[in-house]
Amino acid sequence: MKLFCEASAPTSAARSRSPKHKTLDHRAVNPLASENPISRGARIRALFDSLDDDKTGYLEAGNITRRFDELALGNGTCASTTLIGDGGKDDASERPEGPLGSSIMYARELVKECDKTKDGRITFAEFDQFIKQKELELWHLFQQIDRGGDNVIQPSELKGALRAAGMFRFVFFIVLKLQDS
């Protein structure tokens, strides 16, 4: 599944379809349905294990935050661990700006959404169920954005989706800022 294709023009069939009467092209096959269940389970297990950095067999906000920080910083350092080790204070003045502050927020949201037993921990079974549901939601979102049904999100489709979500100006601003740096 491609997210972006630089120079592809929509086919004449895709151009002639009305967005109001969208029919999926035969090529728009759900990649999740075609994935080998054993491979999918191994992929999700590997993701869980990469987040379980202290190898306890479950995830807490600290595991997730540390991994998000490593990804955001790109250097393996972990600056926010001390911020969540204090019992989960929500004092915004103690949260760093930028990716580290976002990591804490997303980690807490992930634990809150995944943790069905409400013990502050995410088991592999809870994580597996959550990931499968989110993958399905993302596939449905991809299909909504892919108006041409060609399994490729064209620049015009992405622009339309961002505009419909009220995010086009924000994303455009971010892209300009990234180009300046």
Protein backbone atom coordinates (compact mmCIF):
# COMPACT_ATOMS: atom_id res chain seq x y z
CA MET A 1 0.00 0.00 0.00
CA LYS A 2 1.56 3.29 -1.13
CA LEU A 3 0.81 6.49 0.68
CA PHE A 4 2.11 8.86 -1.92
CA CYS A 5 3.01 8.69 -5.56
CA GLU A 6 4.93 11.64 -6.95
CA ALA A 7 4.18 11.58 -10.64
CA SER A 8 1.27 9.20 -11.10
CA ALA A 9 -1.72 10.61 -12.86
CA PRO A 10 -5.11 9.07 -12.17
CA THR A 11 -6.35 6.67 -14.80
CA SER A 12 -9.15 7.81 -17.07
CA ALA A 13 -11.48 5.43 -15.23
CA ALA A 14 -10.49 6.95 -11.88
CA ARG A 15 -10.95 10.49 -13.23
CA SER A 16 -14.41 9.70 -14.59
CA ARG A 17 -15.75 8.36 -11.29
CA SER A 18 -17.64 10.79 -9.17
CA PRO A 19 -16.33 11.06 -5.57
CA LYS A 20 -19.97 10.86 -4.44
CA HIS A 21 -20.34 7.46 -6.11
CA LYS A 22 -16.99 5.97 -5.28
CA THR A 23 -16.51 2.33 -6.12
CA LEU A 24 -13.37 0.56 -5.09
CA ASP A 25 -11.06 -0.53 -7.86
CA HIS A 26 -10.24 -4.24 -7.87
CA ARG A 27 -6.63 -3.30 -7.00
CA ALA A 28 -7.68 -1.70 -3.71
CA VAL A 29 -7.30 -4.89 -1.71
CA ASN A 30 -7.03 -4.69 2.05
CA PRO A 31 -3.37 -5.53 2.75
CA LEU A 32 -4.30 -6.72 6.24
CA ALA A 33 -6.54 -9.45 4.84
CA SER A 34 -3.76 -10.75 2.63
CA GLU A 35 -1.13 -10.80 5.40
CA ASN A 36 -0.24 -14.24 6.73
CA PRO A 37 -1.77 -14.49 10.25
CA ILE A 38 1.47 -15.93 11.65
CA SER A 39 3.50 -13.08 10.13
CA ARG A 40 1.01 -10.52 11.42
CA GLY A 41 1.16 -11.97 14.93
CA ALA A 42 4.97 -11.94 14.82
CA ARG A 43 4.98 -8.32 13.59
CA ILE A 44 2.69 -7.19 16.41
CA ARG A 45 4.67 -9.21 18.97
CA ALA A 46 7.92 -7.59 17.75
CA LEU A 47 6.35 -4.13 18.16
CA PHE A 48 5.17 -5.00 21.68
CA ASP A 49 8.61 -6.36 22.60
CA SER A 50 10.30 -3.21 21.27
CA LEU A 51 8.12 -1.10 23.58
CA ASP A 52 8.64 -3.42 26.55
CA ASP A 53 12.16 -2.09 27.10
CA ASP A 54 12.39 -3.37 30.68
CA LYS A 55 11.18 -6.86 29.59
CA THR A 56 8.38 -7.19 32.17
CA GLY A 57 5.90 -8.71 29.73
CA TYR A 58 3.53 -5.74 29.94
CA LEU A 59 3.60 -2.07 28.97
CA GLU A 60 3.14 0.99 31.12
CA ALA A 61 3.17 4.65 30.13
CA GLY A 62 6.91 4.78 30.91
CA ASN A 63 7.78 2.09 28.35
CA ILE A 64 5.77 3.81 25.66
CA THR A 65 7.06 7.29 26.47
CA ARG A 66 10.69 6.17 26.40
CA ARG A 67 10.24 4.54 23.01
CA PHE A 68 8.34 7.54 21.58
CA ASP A 69 11.12 9.81 22.85
CA GLU A 70 13.78 7.67 21.19
CA LEU A 71 11.89 7.82 17.91
CA ALA A 72 11.28 11.58 18.18
CA LEU A 73 14.87 12.39 19.14
CA GLY A 74 16.41 9.86 16.79
CA ASN A 75 19.38 9.27 19.07
CA GLY A 76 18.22 6.78 21.67
CA THR A 77 18.29 9.25 24.56
CA CYS A 78 15.40 9.35 26.93
CA ALA A 79 14.60 12.68 28.52
CA SER A 80 11.05 12.25 29.82
CA THR A 81 11.43 9.22 32.07
CA THR A 82 11.70 11.35 35.19
CA LEU A 83 8.55 13.25 34.29
CA ILE A 84 6.33 10.19 34.39
CA GLY A 85 8.03 8.49 37.31
CA ASP A 86 6.34 10.86 39.74
CA GLY A 87 2.99 9.10 39.80
CA GLY A 88 1.76 10.64 36.55
CA LYS A 89 1.45 14.31 37.45
CA ASP A 90 -0.53 16.26 34.90
CA ASP A 91 1.07 19.63 35.64
CA ALA A 92 1.61 21.15 32.20
CA SER A 93 4.45 23.30 33.52
CA GLU A 94 6.48 20.13 34.12
CA ARG A 95 6.01 18.83 30.59
CA PRO A 96 8.65 19.72 28.02
CA GLU A 97 7.60 21.38 24.80
CA GLY A 98 7.71 19.50 21.51
CA PRO A 99 7.99 15.78 20.95
CA LEU A 100 8.81 14.86 24.54
CA GLY A 101 5.70 16.53 25.95
CA SER A 102 3.62 14.91 23.21
CA SER A 103 5.13 11.52 24.05
CA ILE A 104 3.83 11.72 27.59
CA MET A 105 0.36 12.69 26.42
CA TYR A 106 0.19 9.95 23.75
CA ALA A 107 1.59 7.31 26.08
CA ARG A 108 -1.06 8.06 28.71
CA GLU A 109 -3.80 8.04 26.08
CA LEU A 110 -2.56 4.72 24.71
CA VAL A 111 -2.54 3.12 28.16
CA LYS A 112 -5.98 4.54 28.92
CA GLU A 113 -7.44 3.20 25.66
CA CYS A 114 -5.70 -0.21 25.68
CA ASP A 115 -5.85 -1.07 29.36
CA LYS A 116 -9.14 -2.95 29.58
CA THR A 117 -8.46 -4.22 33.12
CA LYS A 118 -7.66 -0.67 34.35
CA ASP A 119 -4.52 -1.76 36.21
CA GLY A 120 -2.21 0.74 34.46
CA ARG A 121 -0.60 -2.02 32.43
CA ILE A 122 -1.11 -3.22 28.88
CA THR A 123 -0.85 -6.96 28.35
CA PHE A 124 0.10 -8.41 24.99
CA ALA A 125 -3.52 -9.53 24.45
CA GLU A 126 -4.77 -5.97 25.05
CA PHE A 127 -2.06 -4.53 22.81
CA ASP A 128 -2.76 -7.08 20.04
CA GLN A 129 -6.48 -6.26 20.05
CA PHE A 130 -5.76 -2.50 20.04
CA ILE A 131 -3.26 -2.71 17.14
CA LYS A 132 -5.59 -4.81 15.00
CA GLN A 133 -8.45 -2.35 15.58
CA LYS A 134 -6.23 0.67 14.78
CA GLU A 135 -4.89 -0.98 11.61
CA LEU A 136 -8.45 -1.54 10.44
CA GLU A 137 -9.36 2.08 11.22
CA LEU A 138 -6.30 3.29 9.30
CA TRP A 139 -7.22 1.10 6.32
CA HIS A 140 -10.72 2.63 6.28
CA LEU A 141 -9.21 6.11 6.48
CA PHE A 142 -6.84 5.26 3.62
CA GLN A 143 -9.81 4.13 1.52
CA GLN A 144 -11.68 7.37 2.24
CA ILE A 145 -8.70 9.47 1.15
CA ASP A 146 -7.97 7.32 -1.91
CA ARG A 147 -10.86 8.74 -3.95
CA GLY A 148 -9.57 7.13 -7.16
CA GLY A 149 -9.62 3.66 -5.65
CA ASP A 150 -6.19 2.93 -7.13
CA ASN A 151 -4.54 2.05 -3.80
CA VAL A 152 -2.36 5.16 -4.08
CA ILE A 153 -3.01 8.44 -2.32
CA GLN A 154 -2.43 11.10 -4.94
CA PRO A 155 -1.22 14.59 -3.91
CA SER A 156 -4.61 16.06 -4.83
CA GLU A 157 -6.39 13.45 -2.67
CA LEU A 158 -4.14 14.19 0.30
CA LYS A 159 -4.65 17.93 -0.15
CA GLY A 160 -8.44 17.43 -0.27
CA ALA A 161 -8.42 15.26 2.85
CA LEU A 162 -6.28 17.75 4.78
CA ARG A 163 -8.49 20.61 3.65
CA ALA A 164 -11.67 18.71 4.66
CA ALA A 165 -10.14 18.06 8.09
CA GLY A 166 -9.24 21.73 8.46
CA MET A 167 -5.54 20.87 8.58
CA PHE A 168 -4.24 22.01 5.20
CA ARG A 169 -2.91 25.39 6.35
CA PHE A 170 -1.35 23.85 9.46
CA VAL A 171 0.43 21.11 7.49
CA PHE A 172 1.51 23.62 4.83
CA PHE A 173 2.98 25.83 7.58
CA ILE A 174 4.87 22.85 9.07
CA VAL A 175 6.28 21.91 5.65
CA LEU A 176 7.49 25.47 5.11
CA LYS A 177 9.13 25.48 8.55
CA LEU A 178 10.87 22.17 7.82
CA GLN A 179 12.17 23.51 4.52
CA ASP A 180 13.65 26.53 6.33
CA SER A 181 15.59 24.37 8.80
